[in-house]
Amino acid sequence: MDTALLVVIMSLVALHVAALAGGGLALFVMRLLGRGPESISGTEGRESIP
């Protein structure tokens, strides 16, 4: 394979891995501080139906 193509492919893979790791780190910090992620199903359960 061409070297430039390998560099492009590896940089895209590295960006995806960094994005997943950053999201996981942010989730860990939020849980460490006591704030869980907001979910749609969690907010629907608290609403009252008239």
Protein backbone atom coordinates (compact mmCIF):
# COMPACT_ATOMS: atom_id res chain seq x y z
CA MET A 1 0.00 0.00 0.00
CA ASP A 2 0.99 3.57 -0.45
CA THR A 3 2.46 5.25 2.62
CA ALA A 4 0.14 8.26 2.40
CA LEU A 5 -2.91 6.00 2.37
CA LEU A 6 -1.67 4.17 5.45
CA VAL A 7 -1.11 7.48 7.25
CA VAL A 8 -4.67 8.61 6.44
CA ILE A 9 -6.21 5.33 7.58
CA MET A 10 -4.20 5.22 10.80
CA SER A 11 -5.02 8.85 11.62
CA LEU A 12 -8.74 8.18 11.18
CA VAL A 13 -8.52 5.15 13.45
CA ALA A 14 -6.57 7.16 16.03
CA LEU A 15 -9.18 9.94 15.98
CA HIS A 16 -12.00 7.46 16.56
CA VAL A 17 -10.15 5.80 19.42
CA ALA A 18 -9.42 9.19 20.99
CA ALA A 19 -13.08 10.21 20.72
CA LEU A 20 -14.26 6.99 22.39
CA ALA A 21 -11.66 7.30 25.14
CA GLY A 22 -12.58 10.95 25.75
CA GLY A 23 -16.26 10.11 26.00
CA GLY A 24 -15.55 7.29 28.42
CA LEU A 25 -13.36 9.56 30.51
CA ALA A 26 -16.05 12.24 30.62
CA LEU A 27 -18.64 9.65 31.70
CA PHE A 28 -16.30 8.41 34.43
CA VAL A 29 -15.73 11.94 35.75
CA MET A 30 -19.48 12.66 35.74
CA ARG A 31 -20.18 9.49 37.74
CA LEU A 32 -17.29 10.28 40.07
CA LEU A 33 -18.85 13.68 40.81
CA GLY A 34 -22.26 12.09 41.39
CA ARG A 35 -23.98 13.21 38.21
CA GLY A 36 -25.21 10.40 36.00
CA PRO A 37 -25.95 10.77 32.32
CA GLU A 38 -29.43 12.04 31.47
CA SER A 39 -31.65 9.47 29.82
CA ILE A 40 -35.03 9.78 28.13
CA SER A 41 -36.52 6.78 29.94
CA GLY A 42 -35.48 8.20 33.33
CA THR A 43 -37.26 11.51 32.77
CA GLU A 44 -40.44 9.88 31.45
CA GLY A 45 -40.84 7.85 34.64
CA ARG A 46 -40.92 10.98 36.82
CA GLU A 47 -43.61 12.78 34.87
CA SER A 48 -47.16 12.53 36.12
CA ILE A 49 -50.01 11.76 33.74
CA PRO A 50 -53.14 13.90 34.37
